[in-house]
Amino acid sequence: MSQLLIEIDTPEDEALLMQLLPKLNARLIDKRNEESRNQTFADIARQIASRGGVVDSFGDPLEWQREVRSWDRVLDGREE
């Protein structure tokens, strides 16, 4: 299997290509518009920050640290 990145200038050509895909046993994986290709990392970071960031998805850092430290074992020659 191979993946190709194709740039098409007109909507008519895009429609023709979409009609050909099933005949070629191919499929569209990802469709990106011009705006999404030209976004910089800073633009994407601003969008994430404007939505409240990603902090909530990580949970409580103190709880995570306690859990990870509970996996630690006592080293030889040391007492708990």
N, C-alpha and C. Protein backbone atom coordinates (compact mmCIF):
# COMPACT_ATOMS: atom_id res chain seq x y z
N MET A 1 0.85 -1.17 0.00
CA MET A 1 0.00 0.00 0.00
C MET A 1 0.90 1.23 0.00
N SER A 2 0.48 2.25 -0.69
CA SER A 2 1.20 3.52 -0.68
C SER A 2 0.21 4.66 -0.46
N GLN A 3 0.73 5.76 0.05
CA GLN A 3 -0.09 6.94 0.27
C GLN A 3 0.47 8.07 -0.56
N LEU A 4 -0.42 8.84 -1.16
CA LEU A 4 -0.03 9.96 -2.00
C LEU A 4 -0.65 11.24 -1.48
N LEU A 5 0.08 12.31 -1.57
CA LEU A 5 -0.45 13.63 -1.25
C LEU A 5 -0.66 14.33 -2.59
N ILE A 6 -1.91 14.65 -2.90
CA ILE A 6 -2.25 15.22 -4.20
C ILE A 6 -2.82 16.61 -4.00
N GLU A 7 -2.35 17.53 -4.82
CA GLU A 7 -2.86 18.90 -4.78
C GLU A 7 -3.70 19.13 -6.04
N ILE A 8 -4.94 19.56 -5.84
CA ILE A 8 -5.86 19.76 -6.96
C ILE A 8 -6.33 21.21 -6.96
N ASP A 9 -6.32 21.82 -8.15
CA ASP A 9 -6.63 23.24 -8.25
C ASP A 9 -8.12 23.55 -8.32
N THR A 10 -8.91 22.70 -8.95
CA THR A 10 -10.31 23.03 -9.16
C THR A 10 -11.23 22.02 -8.48
N PRO A 11 -12.40 22.47 -8.04
CA PRO A 11 -13.38 21.55 -7.45
C PRO A 11 -13.85 20.49 -8.44
N GLU A 12 -13.88 20.82 -9.73
CA GLU A 12 -14.31 19.86 -10.73
C GLU A 12 -13.33 18.69 -10.81
N ASP A 13 -12.03 19.01 -10.78
CA ASP A 13 -11.02 17.95 -10.81
C ASP A 13 -11.09 17.09 -9.55
N GLU A 14 -11.36 17.73 -8.43
CA GLU A 14 -11.49 16.98 -7.18
C GLU A 14 -12.68 16.02 -7.24
N ALA A 15 -13.79 16.48 -7.79
CA ALA A 15 -14.97 15.63 -7.93
C ALA A 15 -14.68 14.44 -8.84
N LEU A 16 -13.95 14.68 -9.92
CA LEU A 16 -13.59 13.60 -10.83
C LEU A 16 -12.70 12.58 -10.14
N LEU A 17 -11.74 13.05 -9.38
CA LEU A 17 -10.86 12.14 -8.64
C LEU A 17 -11.65 11.32 -7.61
N MET A 18 -12.58 11.95 -6.93
CA MET A 18 -13.39 11.24 -5.94
C MET A 18 -14.23 10.14 -6.60
N GLN A 19 -14.67 10.36 -7.83
CA GLN A 19 -15.42 9.34 -8.56
C GLN A 19 -14.52 8.18 -8.97
N LEU A 20 -13.26 8.46 -9.22
CA LEU A 20 -12.33 7.42 -9.66
C LEU A 20 -11.83 6.55 -8.50
N LEU A 21 -11.83 7.07 -7.30
CA LEU A 21 -11.25 6.32 -6.18
C LEU A 21 -11.83 4.92 -6.01
N PRO A 22 -13.15 4.73 -6.01
CA PRO A 22 -13.67 3.36 -5.86
C PRO A 22 -13.25 2.43 -7.00
N LYS A 23 -13.14 2.96 -8.20
CA LYS A 23 -12.74 2.14 -9.34
C LYS A 23 -11.28 1.70 -9.23
N LEU A 24 -10.48 2.49 -8.53
CA LEU A 24 -9.06 2.18 -8.35
C LEU A 24 -8.80 1.42 -7.05
N ASN A 25 -9.89 1.04 -6.36
CA ASN A 25 -9.78 0.37 -5.06
C ASN A 25 -8.97 1.23 -4.09
N ALA A 26 -9.28 2.52 -4.07
CA ALA A 26 -8.59 3.48 -3.22
C ALA A 26 -9.60 4.18 -2.33
N ARG A 27 -9.10 4.87 -1.33
CA ARG A 27 -9.99 5.59 -0.42
C ARG A 27 -9.33 6.88 0.04
N LEU A 28 -10.16 7.80 0.45
CA LEU A 28 -9.68 9.08 0.97
C LEU A 28 -9.41 8.91 2.46
N ILE A 29 -8.20 9.21 2.90
CA ILE A 29 -7.84 9.05 4.30
C ILE A 29 -8.05 10.35 5.06
N ASP A 30 -7.59 11.44 4.51
CA ASP A 30 -7.66 12.72 5.21
C ASP A 30 -7.80 13.84 4.18
N LYS A 31 -8.78 14.69 4.39
CA LYS A 31 -8.96 15.83 3.49
C LYS A 31 -8.66 17.09 4.28
N ARG A 32 -7.67 17.83 3.83
CA ARG A 32 -7.28 19.08 4.49
C ARG A 32 -7.48 20.23 3.53
N ASN A 33 -7.95 21.32 4.08
CA ASN A 33 -8.10 22.49 3.23
C ASN A 33 -6.85 23.37 3.33
N GLU A 34 -6.80 24.38 2.52
CA GLU A 34 -5.63 25.26 2.46
C GLU A 34 -5.34 25.91 3.81
N GLU A 35 -6.38 26.31 4.51
CA GLU A 35 -6.21 26.99 5.80
C GLU A 35 -5.53 26.09 6.82
N SER A 36 -5.94 24.84 6.90
CA SER A 36 -5.35 23.95 7.91
C SER A 36 -3.91 23.60 7.59
N ARG A 37 -3.52 23.62 6.31
CA ARG A 37 -2.13 23.32 5.96
C ARG A 37 -1.20 24.48 6.31
N ASN A 38 -1.73 25.69 6.32
CA ASN A 38 -0.89 26.86 6.53
C ASN A 38 -0.83 27.30 7.99
N GLN A 39 -1.46 26.58 8.89
CA GLN A 39 -1.43 26.97 10.29
C GLN A 39 -0.04 26.69 10.88
N THR A 40 0.42 27.61 11.70
CA THR A 40 1.68 27.41 12.38
C THR A 40 1.42 26.78 13.74
N PHE A 41 2.48 26.31 14.36
CA PHE A 41 2.34 25.72 15.69
C PHE A 41 1.77 26.74 16.66
N ALA A 42 2.19 27.99 16.55
CA ALA A 42 1.69 29.03 17.45
C ALA A 42 0.18 29.23 17.28
N ASP A 43 -0.31 29.18 16.05
CA ASP A 43 -1.75 29.31 15.81
C ASP A 43 -2.52 28.16 16.45
N ILE A 44 -2.01 26.96 16.30
CA ILE A 44 -2.67 25.80 16.88
C ILE A 44 -2.64 25.87 18.40
N ALA A 45 -1.52 26.30 18.98
CA ALA A 45 -1.42 26.44 20.43
C ALA A 45 -2.41 27.48 20.95
N ARG A 46 -2.59 28.57 20.21
CA ARG A 46 -3.56 29.60 20.62
C ARG A 46 -4.98 29.04 20.59
N GLN A 47 -5.29 28.22 19.59
CA GLN A 47 -6.62 27.61 19.51
C GLN A 47 -6.87 26.70 20.70
N ILE A 48 -5.88 25.90 21.06
CA ILE A 48 -6.02 25.00 22.20
C ILE A 48 -6.20 25.81 23.48
N ALA A 49 -5.41 26.86 23.65
CA ALA A 49 -5.50 27.70 24.84
C ALA A 49 -6.85 28.40 24.92
N SER A 50 -7.39 28.82 23.78
CA SER A 50 -8.68 29.52 23.79
C SER A 50 -9.82 28.60 24.21
N ARG A 51 -9.62 27.30 24.04
CA ARG A 51 -10.64 26.32 24.45
C ARG A 51 -10.44 25.84 25.87
N GLY A 52 -9.50 26.43 26.58
CA GLY A 52 -9.28 26.05 27.97
C GLY A 52 -8.07 25.17 28.16
N GLY A 53 -7.35 24.88 27.12
CA GLY A 53 -6.14 24.08 27.22
C GLY A 53 -6.42 22.59 27.33
N VAL A 54 -5.38 21.86 27.71
CA VAL A 54 -5.49 20.40 27.81
C VAL A 54 -5.29 19.92 29.24
N VAL A 55 -5.27 20.85 30.18
CA VAL A 55 -4.99 20.51 31.57
C VAL A 55 -5.97 19.47 32.12
N ASP A 56 -7.24 19.64 31.83
CA ASP A 56 -8.24 18.72 32.38
C ASP A 56 -8.06 17.29 31.89
N SER A 57 -7.50 17.12 30.73
CA SER A 57 -7.35 15.77 30.20
C SER A 57 -6.26 14.98 30.91
N PHE A 58 -5.36 15.67 31.61
CA PHE A 58 -4.27 14.99 32.30
C PHE A 58 -4.63 14.57 33.72
N GLY A 59 -5.61 15.19 34.32
CA GLY A 59 -5.99 14.84 35.68
C GLY A 59 -5.12 15.55 36.72
N ASP A 60 -5.18 15.05 37.95
CA ASP A 60 -4.47 15.66 39.06
C ASP A 60 -3.01 15.19 39.07
N PRO A 61 -2.04 16.10 38.94
CA PRO A 61 -0.63 15.67 38.92
C PRO A 61 -0.17 15.07 40.25
N LEU A 62 -0.71 15.53 41.37
CA LEU A 62 -0.32 14.96 42.66
C LEU A 62 -0.78 13.50 42.79
N GLU A 63 -1.98 13.24 42.30
CA GLU A 63 -2.50 11.86 42.33
C GLU A 63 -1.64 10.95 41.46
N TRP A 64 -1.25 11.45 40.29
CA TRP A 64 -0.39 10.67 39.40
C TRP A 64 0.95 10.37 40.06
N GLN A 65 1.53 11.39 40.71
CA GLN A 65 2.84 11.19 41.35
C GLN A 65 2.74 10.17 42.49
N ARG A 66 1.69 10.24 43.27
CA ARG A 66 1.51 9.25 44.35
C ARG A 66 1.40 7.84 43.78
N GLU A 67 0.63 7.70 42.72
CA GLU A 67 0.46 6.38 42.12
C GLU A 67 1.79 5.84 41.58
N VAL A 68 2.54 6.67 40.89
CA VAL A 68 3.81 6.23 40.32
C VAL A 68 4.79 5.87 41.42
N ARG A 69 4.84 6.64 42.48
CA ARG A 69 5.77 6.34 43.58
C ARG A 69 5.36 5.10 44.35
N SER A 70 4.09 4.71 44.28
CA SER A 70 3.66 3.50 44.96
C SER A 70 4.25 2.26 44.28
N TRP A 71 4.70 2.40 43.05
CA TRP A 71 5.30 1.28 42.33
C TRP A 71 6.75 1.07 42.71
N ASP A 72 7.37 2.08 43.35
CA ASP A 72 8.80 2.00 43.70
C ASP A 72 9.04 0.83 44.65
N ARG A 73 10.18 0.24 44.54
CA ARG A 73 10.55 -0.82 45.46
C ARG A 73 11.65 -0.31 46.38
N VAL A 74 11.77 -0.97 47.52
CA VAL A 74 12.82 -0.61 48.47
C VAL A 74 14.14 -1.14 47.94
N LEU A 75 15.15 -0.29 47.89
CA LEU A 75 16.45 -0.70 47.40
C LEU A 75 17.16 -1.56 48.43
N ASP A 76 18.02 -2.45 47.94
CA ASP A 76 18.78 -3.32 48.84
C ASP A 76 19.60 -2.49 49.82
N GLY A 77 19.58 -2.89 51.09
CA GLY A 77 20.35 -2.19 52.11
C GLY A 77 19.68 -0.97 52.67
N ARG A 78 18.48 -0.69 52.25
CA ARG A 78 17.75 0.48 52.76
C ARG A 78 16.44 0.03 53.36
N GLU A 79 16.05 0.73 54.37
CA GLU A 79 14.77 0.40 55.01
C GLU A 79 13.72 1.39 54.53
N GLU A 80 12.49 0.94 54.60
CA GLU A 80 11.40 1.79 54.14
C GLU A 80 11.07 2.87 55.09
